[in-house]
């Protein structure tokens, strides 16, 4: 449910960790 867009975050590296069920 997190609203996230890496392209809008101004940093050299942006990391994400998540646990997700069935998803496309």
PDBML (XML) file of the C-alpha atoms, coordinates in Angstrom:
<?xml version="1.0" encoding="UTF-8" ?>
<PDBx:datablock datablockName="MODEL"
   xmlns:PDBx="http://pdbml.pdb.org/schema/pdbx-v50.xsd"
   xmlns:xsi="http://www.w3.org/2001/XMLSchema-instance"
   xsi:schemaLocation="http://pdbml.pdb.org/schema/pdbx-v50.xsd pdbx-v50.xsd">
   <PDBx:atom_siteCategory>
      <PDBx:atom_site id="1">
         <PDBx:B_iso_or_equiv>0.00</PDBx:B_iso_or_equiv>
         <PDBx:Cartn_x>0.000</PDBx:Cartn_x>
         <PDBx:Cartn_y>0.000</PDBx:Cartn_y>
         <PDBx:Cartn_z>0.000</PDBx:Cartn_z>
         <PDBx:auth_asym_id>A</PDBx:auth_asym_id>
         <PDBx:auth_atom_id>CA</PDBx:auth_atom_id>
         <PDBx:auth_comp_id>UNK</PDBx:auth_comp_id>
         <PDBx:auth_seq_id>1</PDBx:auth_seq_id>
         <PDBx:group_PDB>ATOM</PDBx:group_PDB>
         <PDBx:label_alt_id xsi:nil="true" />
         <PDBx:label_asym_id>A</PDBx:label_asym_id>
         <PDBx:label_atom_id>CA</PDBx:label_atom_id>
         <PDBx:label_comp_id>UNK</PDBx:label_comp_id>
         <PDBx:label_entity_id>1</PDBx:label_entity_id>
         <PDBx:label_seq_id>1</PDBx:label_seq_id>
         <PDBx:occupancy>1.00</PDBx:occupancy>
         <PDBx:pdbx_PDB_model_num>1</PDBx:pdbx_PDB_model_num>
         <PDBx:type_symbol>C</PDBx:type_symbol>
      </PDBx:atom_site>
      <PDBx:atom_site id="2">
         <PDBx:B_iso_or_equiv>0.00</PDBx:B_iso_or_equiv>
         <PDBx:Cartn_x>3.056</PDBx:Cartn_x>
         <PDBx:Cartn_y>2.311</PDBx:Cartn_y>
         <PDBx:Cartn_z>0.071</PDBx:Cartn_z>
         <PDBx:auth_asym_id>A</PDBx:auth_asym_id>
         <PDBx:auth_atom_id>CA</PDBx:auth_atom_id>
         <PDBx:auth_comp_id>UNK</PDBx:auth_comp_id>
         <PDBx:auth_seq_id>2</PDBx:auth_seq_id>
         <PDBx:group_PDB>ATOM</PDBx:group_PDB>
         <PDBx:label_alt_id xsi:nil="true" />
         <PDBx:label_asym_id>A</PDBx:label_asym_id>
         <PDBx:label_atom_id>CA</PDBx:label_atom_id>
         <PDBx:label_comp_id>UNK</PDBx:label_comp_id>
         <PDBx:label_entity_id>1</PDBx:label_entity_id>
         <PDBx:label_seq_id>2</PDBx:label_seq_id>
         <PDBx:occupancy>1.00</PDBx:occupancy>
         <PDBx:pdbx_PDB_model_num>1</PDBx:pdbx_PDB_model_num>
         <PDBx:type_symbol>C</PDBx:type_symbol>
      </PDBx:atom_site>
      <PDBx:atom_site id="3">
         <PDBx:B_iso_or_equiv>0.00</PDBx:B_iso_or_equiv>
         <PDBx:Cartn_x>3.003</PDBx:Cartn_x>
         <PDBx:Cartn_y>5.026</PDBx:Cartn_y>
         <PDBx:Cartn_z>-2.587</PDBx:Cartn_z>
         <PDBx:auth_asym_id>A</PDBx:auth_asym_id>
         <PDBx:auth_atom_id>CA</PDBx:auth_atom_id>
         <PDBx:auth_comp_id>UNK</PDBx:auth_comp_id>
         <PDBx:auth_seq_id>3</PDBx:auth_seq_id>
         <PDBx:group_PDB>ATOM</PDBx:group_PDB>
         <PDBx:label_alt_id xsi:nil="true" />
         <PDBx:label_asym_id>A</PDBx:label_asym_id>
         <PDBx:label_atom_id>CA</PDBx:label_atom_id>
         <PDBx:label_comp_id>UNK</PDBx:label_comp_id>
         <PDBx:label_entity_id>1</PDBx:label_entity_id>
         <PDBx:label_seq_id>3</PDBx:label_seq_id>
         <PDBx:occupancy>1.00</PDBx:occupancy>
         <PDBx:pdbx_PDB_model_num>1</PDBx:pdbx_PDB_model_num>
         <PDBx:type_symbol>C</PDBx:type_symbol>
      </PDBx:atom_site>
      <PDBx:atom_site id="4">
         <PDBx:B_iso_or_equiv>0.00</PDBx:B_iso_or_equiv>
         <PDBx:Cartn_x>6.475</PDBx:Cartn_x>
         <PDBx:Cartn_y>4.927</PDBx:Cartn_y>
         <PDBx:Cartn_z>-4.065</PDBx:Cartn_z>
         <PDBx:auth_asym_id>A</PDBx:auth_asym_id>
         <PDBx:auth_atom_id>CA</PDBx:auth_atom_id>
         <PDBx:auth_comp_id>UNK</PDBx:auth_comp_id>
         <PDBx:auth_seq_id>4</PDBx:auth_seq_id>
         <PDBx:group_PDB>ATOM</PDBx:group_PDB>
         <PDBx:label_alt_id xsi:nil="true" />
         <PDBx:label_asym_id>A</PDBx:label_asym_id>
         <PDBx:label_atom_id>CA</PDBx:label_atom_id>
         <PDBx:label_comp_id>UNK</PDBx:label_comp_id>
         <PDBx:label_entity_id>1</PDBx:label_entity_id>
         <PDBx:label_seq_id>4</PDBx:label_seq_id>
         <PDBx:occupancy>1.00</PDBx:occupancy>
         <PDBx:pdbx_PDB_model_num>1</PDBx:pdbx_PDB_model_num>
         <PDBx:type_symbol>C</PDBx:type_symbol>
      </PDBx:atom_site>
      <PDBx:atom_site id="5">
         <PDBx:B_iso_or_equiv>0.00</PDBx:B_iso_or_equiv>
         <PDBx:Cartn_x>8.225</PDBx:Cartn_x>
         <PDBx:Cartn_y>6.251</PDBx:Cartn_y>
         <PDBx:Cartn_z>-7.151</PDBx:Cartn_z>
         <PDBx:auth_asym_id>A</PDBx:auth_asym_id>
         <PDBx:auth_atom_id>CA</PDBx:auth_atom_id>
         <PDBx:auth_comp_id>UNK</PDBx:auth_comp_id>
         <PDBx:auth_seq_id>5</PDBx:auth_seq_id>
         <PDBx:group_PDB>ATOM</PDBx:group_PDB>
         <PDBx:label_alt_id xsi:nil="true" />
         <PDBx:label_asym_id>A</PDBx:label_asym_id>
         <PDBx:label_atom_id>CA</PDBx:label_atom_id>
         <PDBx:label_comp_id>UNK</PDBx:label_comp_id>
         <PDBx:label_entity_id>1</PDBx:label_entity_id>
         <PDBx:label_seq_id>5</PDBx:label_seq_id>
         <PDBx:occupancy>1.00</PDBx:occupancy>
         <PDBx:pdbx_PDB_model_num>1</PDBx:pdbx_PDB_model_num>
         <PDBx:type_symbol>C</PDBx:type_symbol>
      </PDBx:atom_site>
      <PDBx:atom_site id="6">
         <PDBx:B_iso_or_equiv>0.00</PDBx:B_iso_or_equiv>
         <PDBx:Cartn_x>12.008</PDBx:Cartn_x>
         <PDBx:Cartn_y>5.892</PDBx:Cartn_y>
         <PDBx:Cartn_z>-7.164</PDBx:Cartn_z>
         <PDBx:auth_asym_id>A</PDBx:auth_asym_id>
         <PDBx:auth_atom_id>CA</PDBx:auth_atom_id>
         <PDBx:auth_comp_id>UNK</PDBx:auth_comp_id>
         <PDBx:auth_seq_id>6</PDBx:auth_seq_id>
         <PDBx:group_PDB>ATOM</PDBx:group_PDB>
         <PDBx:label_alt_id xsi:nil="true" />
         <PDBx:label_asym_id>A</PDBx:label_asym_id>
         <PDBx:label_atom_id>CA</PDBx:label_atom_id>
         <PDBx:label_comp_id>UNK</PDBx:label_comp_id>
         <PDBx:label_entity_id>1</PDBx:label_entity_id>
         <PDBx:label_seq_id>6</PDBx:label_seq_id>
         <PDBx:occupancy>1.00</PDBx:occupancy>
         <PDBx:pdbx_PDB_model_num>1</PDBx:pdbx_PDB_model_num>
         <PDBx:type_symbol>C</PDBx:type_symbol>
      </PDBx:atom_site>
      <PDBx:atom_site id="7">
         <PDBx:B_iso_or_equiv>0.00</PDBx:B_iso_or_equiv>
         <PDBx:Cartn_x>12.313</PDBx:Cartn_x>
         <PDBx:Cartn_y>8.340</PDBx:Cartn_y>
         <PDBx:Cartn_z>-10.054</PDBx:Cartn_z>
         <PDBx:auth_asym_id>A</PDBx:auth_asym_id>
         <PDBx:auth_atom_id>CA</PDBx:auth_atom_id>
         <PDBx:auth_comp_id>UNK</PDBx:auth_comp_id>
         <PDBx:auth_seq_id>7</PDBx:auth_seq_id>
         <PDBx:group_PDB>ATOM</PDBx:group_PDB>
         <PDBx:label_alt_id xsi:nil="true" />
         <PDBx:label_asym_id>A</PDBx:label_asym_id>
         <PDBx:label_atom_id>CA</PDBx:label_atom_id>
         <PDBx:label_comp_id>UNK</PDBx:label_comp_id>
         <PDBx:label_entity_id>1</PDBx:label_entity_id>
         <PDBx:label_seq_id>7</PDBx:label_seq_id>
         <PDBx:occupancy>1.00</PDBx:occupancy>
         <PDBx:pdbx_PDB_model_num>1</PDBx:pdbx_PDB_model_num>
         <PDBx:type_symbol>C</PDBx:type_symbol>
      </PDBx:atom_site>
      <PDBx:atom_site id="8">
         <PDBx:B_iso_or_equiv>0.00</PDBx:B_iso_or_equiv>
         <PDBx:Cartn_x>10.960</PDBx:Cartn_x>
         <PDBx:Cartn_y>11.114</PDBx:Cartn_y>
         <PDBx:Cartn_z>-7.829</PDBx:Cartn_z>
         <PDBx:auth_asym_id>A</PDBx:auth_asym_id>
         <PDBx:auth_atom_id>CA</PDBx:auth_atom_id>
         <PDBx:auth_comp_id>UNK</PDBx:auth_comp_id>
         <PDBx:auth_seq_id>8</PDBx:auth_seq_id>
         <PDBx:group_PDB>ATOM</PDBx:group_PDB>
         <PDBx:label_alt_id xsi:nil="true" />
         <PDBx:label_asym_id>A</PDBx:label_asym_id>
         <PDBx:label_atom_id>CA</PDBx:label_atom_id>
         <PDBx:label_comp_id>UNK</PDBx:label_comp_id>
         <PDBx:label_entity_id>1</PDBx:label_entity_id>
         <PDBx:label_seq_id>8</PDBx:label_seq_id>
         <PDBx:occupancy>1.00</PDBx:occupancy>
         <PDBx:pdbx_PDB_model_num>1</PDBx:pdbx_PDB_model_num>
         <PDBx:type_symbol>C</PDBx:type_symbol>
      </PDBx:atom_site>
      <PDBx:atom_site id="9">
         <PDBx:B_iso_or_equiv>0.00</PDBx:B_iso_or_equiv>
         <PDBx:Cartn_x>13.558</PDBx:Cartn_x>
         <PDBx:Cartn_y>10.574</PDBx:Cartn_y>
         <PDBx:Cartn_z>-5.077</PDBx:Cartn_z>
         <PDBx:auth_asym_id>A</PDBx:auth_asym_id>
         <PDBx:auth_atom_id>CA</PDBx:auth_atom_id>
         <PDBx:auth_comp_id>UNK</PDBx:auth_comp_id>
         <PDBx:auth_seq_id>9</PDBx:auth_seq_id>
         <PDBx:group_PDB>ATOM</PDBx:group_PDB>
         <PDBx:label_alt_id xsi:nil="true" />
         <PDBx:label_asym_id>A</PDBx:label_asym_id>
         <PDBx:label_atom_id>CA</PDBx:label_atom_id>
         <PDBx:label_comp_id>UNK</PDBx:label_comp_id>
         <PDBx:label_entity_id>1</PDBx:label_entity_id>
         <PDBx:label_seq_id>9</PDBx:label_seq_id>
         <PDBx:occupancy>1.00</PDBx:occupancy>
         <PDBx:pdbx_PDB_model_num>1</PDBx:pdbx_PDB_model_num>
         <PDBx:type_symbol>C</PDBx:type_symbol>
      </PDBx:atom_site>
      <PDBx:atom_site id="10">
         <PDBx:B_iso_or_equiv>0.00</PDBx:B_iso_or_equiv>
         <PDBx:Cartn_x>16.718</PDBx:Cartn_x>
         <PDBx:Cartn_y>12.587</PDBx:Cartn_y>
         <PDBx:Cartn_z>-5.642</PDBx:Cartn_z>
         <PDBx:auth_asym_id>A</PDBx:auth_asym_id>
         <PDBx:auth_atom_id>CA</PDBx:auth_atom_id>
         <PDBx:auth_comp_id>UNK</PDBx:auth_comp_id>
         <PDBx:auth_seq_id>10</PDBx:auth_seq_id>
         <PDBx:group_PDB>ATOM</PDBx:group_PDB>
         <PDBx:label_alt_id xsi:nil="true" />
         <PDBx:label_asym_id>A</PDBx:label_asym_id>
         <PDBx:label_atom_id>CA</PDBx:label_atom_id>
         <PDBx:label_comp_id>UNK</PDBx:label_comp_id>
         <PDBx:label_entity_id>1</PDBx:label_entity_id>
         <PDBx:label_seq_id>10</PDBx:label_seq_id>
         <PDBx:occupancy>1.00</PDBx:occupancy>
         <PDBx:pdbx_PDB_model_num>1</PDBx:pdbx_PDB_model_num>
         <PDBx:type_symbol>C</PDBx:type_symbol>
      </PDBx:atom_site>
      <PDBx:atom_site id="11">
         <PDBx:B_iso_or_equiv>0.00</PDBx:B_iso_or_equiv>
         <PDBx:Cartn_x>19.551</PDBx:Cartn_x>
         <PDBx:Cartn_y>10.406</PDBx:Cartn_y>
         <PDBx:Cartn_z>-4.358</PDBx:Cartn_z>
         <PDBx:auth_asym_id>A</PDBx:auth_asym_id>
         <PDBx:auth_atom_id>CA</PDBx:auth_atom_id>
         <PDBx:auth_comp_id>UNK</PDBx:auth_comp_id>
         <PDBx:auth_seq_id>11</PDBx:auth_seq_id>
         <PDBx:group_PDB>ATOM</PDBx:group_PDB>
         <PDBx:label_alt_id xsi:nil="true" />
         <PDBx:label_asym_id>A</PDBx:label_asym_id>
         <PDBx:label_atom_id>CA</PDBx:label_atom_id>
         <PDBx:label_comp_id>UNK</PDBx:label_comp_id>
         <PDBx:label_entity_id>1</PDBx:label_entity_id>
         <PDBx:label_seq_id>11</PDBx:label_seq_id>
         <PDBx:occupancy>1.00</PDBx:occupancy>
         <PDBx:pdbx_PDB_model_num>1</PDBx:pdbx_PDB_model_num>
         <PDBx:type_symbol>C</PDBx:type_symbol>
      </PDBx:atom_site>
      <PDBx:atom_site id="12">
         <PDBx:B_iso_or_equiv>0.00</PDBx:B_iso_or_equiv>
         <PDBx:Cartn_x>22.385</PDBx:Cartn_x>
         <PDBx:Cartn_y>8.410</PDBx:Cartn_y>
         <PDBx:Cartn_z>-5.880</PDBx:Cartn_z>
         <PDBx:auth_asym_id>A</PDBx:auth_asym_id>
         <PDBx:auth_atom_id>CA</PDBx:auth_atom_id>
         <PDBx:auth_comp_id>UNK</PDBx:auth_comp_id>
         <PDBx:auth_seq_id>12</PDBx:auth_seq_id>
         <PDBx:group_PDB>ATOM</PDBx:group_PDB>
         <PDBx:label_alt_id xsi:nil="true" />
         <PDBx:label_asym_id>A</PDBx:label_asym_id>
         <PDBx:label_atom_id>CA</PDBx:label_atom_id>
         <PDBx:label_comp_id>UNK</PDBx:label_comp_id>
         <PDBx:label_entity_id>1</PDBx:label_entity_id>
         <PDBx:label_seq_id>12</PDBx:label_seq_id>
         <PDBx:occupancy>1.00</PDBx:occupancy>
         <PDBx:pdbx_PDB_model_num>1</PDBx:pdbx_PDB_model_num>
         <PDBx:type_symbol>C</PDBx:type_symbol>
      </PDBx:atom_site>
      <PDBx:atom_site id="13">
         <PDBx:B_iso_or_equiv>0.00</PDBx:B_iso_or_equiv>
         <PDBx:Cartn_x>20.956</PDBx:Cartn_x>
         <PDBx:Cartn_y>5.104</PDBx:Cartn_y>
         <PDBx:Cartn_z>-4.615</PDBx:Cartn_z>
         <PDBx:auth_asym_id>A</PDBx:auth_asym_id>
         <PDBx:auth_atom_id>CA</PDBx:auth_atom_id>
         <PDBx:auth_comp_id>UNK</PDBx:auth_comp_id>
         <PDBx:auth_seq_id>13</PDBx:auth_seq_id>
         <PDBx:group_PDB>ATOM</PDBx:group_PDB>
         <PDBx:label_alt_id xsi:nil="true" />
         <PDBx:label_asym_id>A</PDBx:label_asym_id>
         <PDBx:label_atom_id>CA</PDBx:label_atom_id>
         <PDBx:label_comp_id>UNK</PDBx:label_comp_id>
         <PDBx:label_entity_id>1</PDBx:label_entity_id>
         <PDBx:label_seq_id>13</PDBx:label_seq_id>
         <PDBx:occupancy>1.00</PDBx:occupancy>
         <PDBx:pdbx_PDB_model_num>1</PDBx:pdbx_PDB_model_num>
         <PDBx:type_symbol>C</PDBx:type_symbol>
      </PDBx:atom_site>
      <PDBx:atom_site id="14">
         <PDBx:B_iso_or_equiv>0.00</PDBx:B_iso_or_equiv>
         <PDBx:Cartn_x>17.403</PDBx:Cartn_x>
         <PDBx:Cartn_y>4.405</PDBx:Cartn_y>
         <PDBx:Cartn_z>-3.480</PDBx:Cartn_z>
         <PDBx:auth_asym_id>A</PDBx:auth_asym_id>
         <PDBx:auth_atom_id>CA</PDBx:auth_atom_id>
         <PDBx:auth_comp_id>UNK</PDBx:auth_comp_id>
         <PDBx:auth_seq_id>14</PDBx:auth_seq_id>
         <PDBx:group_PDB>ATOM</PDBx:group_PDB>
         <PDBx:label_alt_id xsi:nil="true" />
         <PDBx:label_asym_id>A</PDBx:label_asym_id>
         <PDBx:label_atom_id>CA</PDBx:label_atom_id>
         <PDBx:label_comp_id>UNK</PDBx:label_comp_id>
         <PDBx:label_entity_id>1</PDBx:label_entity_id>
         <PDBx:label_seq_id>14</PDBx:label_seq_id>
         <PDBx:occupancy>1.00</PDBx:occupancy>
         <PDBx:pdbx_PDB_model_num>1</PDBx:pdbx_PDB_model_num>
         <PDBx:type_symbol>C</PDBx:type_symbol>
      </PDBx:atom_site>
      <PDBx:atom_site id="15">
         <PDBx:B_iso_or_equiv>0.00</PDBx:B_iso_or_equiv>
         <PDBx:Cartn_x>16.793</PDBx:Cartn_x>
         <PDBx:Cartn_y>1.047</PDBx:Cartn_y>
         <PDBx:Cartn_z>-1.787</PDBx:Cartn_z>
         <PDBx:auth_asym_id>A</PDBx:auth_asym_id>
         <PDBx:auth_atom_id>CA</PDBx:auth_atom_id>
         <PDBx:auth_comp_id>UNK</PDBx:auth_comp_id>
         <PDBx:auth_seq_id>15</PDBx:auth_seq_id>
         <PDBx:group_PDB>ATOM</PDBx:group_PDB>
         <PDBx:label_alt_id xsi:nil="true" />
         <PDBx:label_asym_id>A</PDBx:label_asym_id>
         <PDBx:label_atom_id>CA</PDBx:label_atom_id>
         <PDBx:label_comp_id>UNK</PDBx:label_comp_id>
         <PDBx:label_entity_id>1</PDBx:label_entity_id>
         <PDBx:label_seq_id>15</PDBx:label_seq_id>
         <PDBx:occupancy>1.00</PDBx:occupancy>
         <PDBx:pdbx_PDB_model_num>1</PDBx:pdbx_PDB_model_num>
         <PDBx:type_symbol>C</PDBx:type_symbol>
      </PDBx:atom_site>
      <PDBx:atom_site id="16">
         <PDBx:B_iso_or_equiv>0.00</PDBx:B_iso_or_equiv>
         <PDBx:Cartn_x>13.559</PDBx:Cartn_x>
         <PDBx:Cartn_y>-0.808</PDBx:Cartn_y>
         <PDBx:Cartn_z>-1.133</PDBx:Cartn_z>
         <PDBx:auth_asym_id>A</PDBx:auth_asym_id>
         <PDBx:auth_atom_id>CA</PDBx:auth_atom_id>
         <PDBx:auth_comp_id>UNK</PDBx:auth_comp_id>
         <PDBx:auth_seq_id>16</PDBx:auth_seq_id>
         <PDBx:group_PDB>ATOM</PDBx:group_PDB>
         <PDBx:label_alt_id xsi:nil="true" />
         <PDBx:label_asym_id>A</PDBx:label_asym_id>
         <PDBx:label_atom_id>CA</PDBx:label_atom_id>
         <PDBx:label_comp_id>UNK</PDBx:label_comp_id>
         <PDBx:label_entity_id>1</PDBx:label_entity_id>
         <PDBx:label_seq_id>16</PDBx:label_seq_id>
         <PDBx:occupancy>1.00</PDBx:occupancy>
         <PDBx:pdbx_PDB_model_num>1</PDBx:pdbx_PDB_model_num>
         <PDBx:type_symbol>C</PDBx:type_symbol>
      </PDBx:atom_site>
      <PDBx:atom_site id="17">
         <PDBx:B_iso_or_equiv>0.00</PDBx:B_iso_or_equiv>
         <PDBx:Cartn_x>12.760</PDBx:Cartn_x>
         <PDBx:Cartn_y>-3.919</PDBx:Cartn_y>
         <PDBx:Cartn_z>0.899</PDBx:Cartn_z>
         <PDBx:auth_asym_id>A</PDBx:auth_asym_id>
         <PDBx:auth_atom_id>CA</PDBx:auth_atom_id>
         <PDBx:auth_comp_id>UNK</PDBx:auth_comp_id>
         <PDBx:auth_seq_id>17</PDBx:auth_seq_id>
         <PDBx:group_PDB>ATOM</PDBx:group_PDB>
         <PDBx:label_alt_id xsi:nil="true" />
         <PDBx:label_asym_id>A</PDBx:label_asym_id>
         <PDBx:label_atom_id>CA</PDBx:label_atom_id>
         <PDBx:label_comp_id>UNK</PDBx:label_comp_id>
         <PDBx:label_entity_id>1</PDBx:label_entity_id>
         <PDBx:label_seq_id>17</PDBx:label_seq_id>
         <PDBx:occupancy>1.00</PDBx:occupancy>
         <PDBx:pdbx_PDB_model_num>1</PDBx:pdbx_PDB_model_num>
         <PDBx:type_symbol>C</PDBx:type_symbol>
      </PDBx:atom_site>
      <PDBx:atom_site id="18">
         <PDBx:B_iso_or_equiv>0.00</PDBx:B_iso_or_equiv>
         <PDBx:Cartn_x>9.287</PDBx:Cartn_x>
         <PDBx:Cartn_y>-5.451</PDBx:Cartn_y>
         <PDBx:Cartn_z>0.781</PDBx:Cartn_z>
         <PDBx:auth_asym_id>A</PDBx:auth_asym_id>
         <PDBx:auth_atom_id>CA</PDBx:auth_atom_id>
         <PDBx:auth_comp_id>UNK</PDBx:auth_comp_id>
         <PDBx:auth_seq_id>18</PDBx:auth_seq_id>
         <PDBx:group_PDB>ATOM</PDBx:group_PDB>
         <PDBx:label_alt_id xsi:nil="true" />
         <PDBx:label_asym_id>A</PDBx:label_asym_id>
         <PDBx:label_atom_id>CA</PDBx:label_atom_id>
         <PDBx:label_comp_id>UNK</PDBx:label_comp_id>
         <PDBx:label_entity_id>1</PDBx:label_entity_id>
         <PDBx:label_seq_id>18</PDBx:label_seq_id>
         <PDBx:occupancy>1.00</PDBx:occupancy>
         <PDBx:pdbx_PDB_model_num>1</PDBx:pdbx_PDB_model_num>
         <PDBx:type_symbol>C</PDBx:type_symbol>
      </PDBx:atom_site>
      <PDBx:atom_site id="19">
         <PDBx:B_iso_or_equiv>0.00</PDBx:B_iso_or_equiv>
         <PDBx:Cartn_x>7.322</PDBx:Cartn_x>
         <PDBx:Cartn_y>-8.643</PDBx:Cartn_y>
         <PDBx:Cartn_z>1.313</PDBx:Cartn_z>
         <PDBx:auth_asym_id>A</PDBx:auth_asym_id>
         <PDBx:auth_atom_id>CA</PDBx:auth_atom_id>
         <PDBx:auth_comp_id>UNK</PDBx:auth_comp_id>
         <PDBx:auth_seq_id>19</PDBx:auth_seq_id>
         <PDBx:group_PDB>ATOM</PDBx:group_PDB>
         <PDBx:label_alt_id xsi:nil="true" />
         <PDBx:label_asym_id>A</PDBx:label_asym_id>
         <PDBx:label_atom_id>CA</PDBx:label_atom_id>
         <PDBx:label_comp_id>UNK</PDBx:label_comp_id>
         <PDBx:label_entity_id>1</PDBx:label_entity_id>
         <PDBx:label_seq_id>19</PDBx:label_seq_id>
         <PDBx:occupancy>1.00</PDBx:occupancy>
         <PDBx:pdbx_PDB_model_num>1</PDBx:pdbx_PDB_model_num>
         <PDBx:type_symbol>C</PDBx:type_symbol>
      </PDBx:atom_site>
      <PDBx:atom_site id="20">
         <PDBx:B_iso_or_equiv>0.00</PDBx:B_iso_or_equiv>
         <PDBx:Cartn_x>4.555</PDBx:Cartn_x>
         <PDBx:Cartn_y>-9.003</PDBx:Cartn_y>
         <PDBx:Cartn_z>-1.262</PDBx:Cartn_z>
         <PDBx:auth_asym_id>A</PDBx:auth_asym_id>
         <PDBx:auth_atom_id>CA</PDBx:auth_atom_id>
         <PDBx:auth_comp_id>UNK</PDBx:auth_comp_id>
         <PDBx:auth_seq_id>20</PDBx:auth_seq_id>
         <PDBx:group_PDB>ATOM</PDBx:group_PDB>
         <PDBx:label_alt_id xsi:nil="true" />
         <PDBx:label_asym_id>A</PDBx:label_asym_id>
         <PDBx:label_atom_id>CA</PDBx:label_atom_id>
         <PDBx:label_comp_id>UNK</PDBx:label_comp_id>
         <PDBx:label_entity_id>1</PDBx:label_entity_id>
         <PDBx:label_seq_id>20</PDBx:label_seq_id>
         <PDBx:occupancy>1.00</PDBx:occupancy>
         <PDBx:pdbx_PDB_model_num>1</PDBx:pdbx_PDB_model_num>
         <PDBx:type_symbol>C</PDBx:type_symbol>
      </PDBx:atom_site>
      <PDBx:atom_site id="21">
         <PDBx:B_iso_or_equiv>0.00</PDBx:B_iso_or_equiv>
         <PDBx:Cartn_x>2.027</PDBx:Cartn_x>
         <PDBx:Cartn_y>-11.690</PDBx:Cartn_y>
         <PDBx:Cartn_z>-2.168</PDBx:Cartn_z>
         <PDBx:auth_asym_id>A</PDBx:auth_asym_id>
         <PDBx:auth_atom_id>CA</PDBx:auth_atom_id>
         <PDBx:auth_comp_id>UNK</PDBx:auth_comp_id>
         <PDBx:auth_seq_id>21</PDBx:auth_seq_id>
         <PDBx:group_PDB>ATOM</PDBx:group_PDB>
         <PDBx:label_alt_id xsi:nil="true" />
         <PDBx:label_asym_id>A</PDBx:label_asym_id>
         <PDBx:label_atom_id>CA</PDBx:label_atom_id>
         <PDBx:label_comp_id>UNK</PDBx:label_comp_id>
         <PDBx:label_entity_id>1</PDBx:label_entity_id>
         <PDBx:label_seq_id>21</PDBx:label_seq_id>
         <PDBx:occupancy>1.00</PDBx:occupancy>
         <PDBx:pdbx_PDB_model_num>1</PDBx:pdbx_PDB_model_num>
         <PDBx:type_symbol>C</PDBx:type_symbol>
      </PDBx:atom_site>
      <PDBx:atom_site id="22">
         <PDBx:B_iso_or_equiv>0.00</PDBx:B_iso_or_equiv>
         <PDBx:Cartn_x>0.584</PDBx:Cartn_x>
         <PDBx:Cartn_y>-12.393</PDBx:Cartn_y>
         <PDBx:Cartn_z>-5.607</PDBx:Cartn_z>
         <PDBx:auth_asym_id>A</PDBx:auth_asym_id>
         <PDBx:auth_atom_id>CA</PDBx:auth_atom_id>
         <PDBx:auth_comp_id>UNK</PDBx:auth_comp_id>
         <PDBx:auth_seq_id>22</PDBx:auth_seq_id>
         <PDBx:group_PDB>ATOM</PDBx:group_PDB>
         <PDBx:label_alt_id xsi:nil="true" />
         <PDBx:label_asym_id>A</PDBx:label_asym_id>
         <PDBx:label_atom_id>CA</PDBx:label_atom_id>
         <PDBx:label_comp_id>UNK</PDBx:label_comp_id>
         <PDBx:label_entity_id>1</PDBx:label_entity_id>
         <PDBx:label_seq_id>22</PDBx:label_seq_id>
         <PDBx:occupancy>1.00</PDBx:occupancy>
         <PDBx:pdbx_PDB_model_num>1</PDBx:pdbx_PDB_model_num>
         <PDBx:type_symbol>C</PDBx:type_symbol>
      </PDBx:atom_site>
      <PDBx:atom_site id="23">
         <PDBx:B_iso_or_equiv>0.00</PDBx:B_iso_or_equiv>
         <PDBx:Cartn_x>1.411</PDBx:Cartn_x>
         <PDBx:Cartn_y>-9.371</PDBx:Cartn_y>
         <PDBx:Cartn_z>-7.720</PDBx:Cartn_z>
         <PDBx:auth_asym_id>A</PDBx:auth_asym_id>
         <PDBx:auth_atom_id>CA</PDBx:auth_atom_id>
         <PDBx:auth_comp_id>UNK</PDBx:auth_comp_id>
         <PDBx:auth_seq_id>23</PDBx:auth_seq_id>
         <PDBx:group_PDB>ATOM</PDBx:group_PDB>
         <PDBx:label_alt_id xsi:nil="true" />
         <PDBx:label_asym_id>A</PDBx:label_asym_id>
         <PDBx:label_atom_id>CA</PDBx:label_atom_id>
         <PDBx:label_comp_id>UNK</PDBx:label_comp_id>
         <PDBx:label_entity_id>1</PDBx:label_entity_id>
         <PDBx:label_seq_id>23</PDBx:label_seq_id>
         <PDBx:occupancy>1.00</PDBx:occupancy>
         <PDBx:pdbx_PDB_model_num>1</PDBx:pdbx_PDB_model_num>
         <PDBx:type_symbol>C</PDBx:type_symbol>
      </PDBx:atom_site>
      <PDBx:atom_site id="24">
         <PDBx:B_iso_or_equiv>0.00</PDBx:B_iso_or_equiv>
         <PDBx:Cartn_x>1.762</PDBx:Cartn_x>
         <PDBx:Cartn_y>-8.276</PDBx:Cartn_y>
         <PDBx:Cartn_z>-11.342</PDBx:Cartn_z>
         <PDBx:auth_asym_id>A</PDBx:auth_asym_id>
         <PDBx:auth_atom_id>CA</PDBx:auth_atom_id>
         <PDBx:auth_comp_id>UNK</PDBx:auth_comp_id>
         <PDBx:auth_seq_id>24</PDBx:auth_seq_id>
         <PDBx:group_PDB>ATOM</PDBx:group_PDB>
         <PDBx:label_alt_id xsi:nil="true" />
         <PDBx:label_asym_id>A</PDBx:label_asym_id>
         <PDBx:label_atom_id>CA</PDBx:label_atom_id>
         <PDBx:label_comp_id>UNK</PDBx:label_comp_id>
         <PDBx:label_entity_id>1</PDBx:label_entity_id>
         <PDBx:label_seq_id>24</PDBx:label_seq_id>
         <PDBx:occupancy>1.00</PDBx:occupancy>
         <PDBx:pdbx_PDB_model_num>1</PDBx:pdbx_PDB_model_num>
         <PDBx:type_symbol>C</PDBx:type_symbol>
      </PDBx:atom_site>
   </PDBx:atom_siteCategory>
</PDBx:datablock>
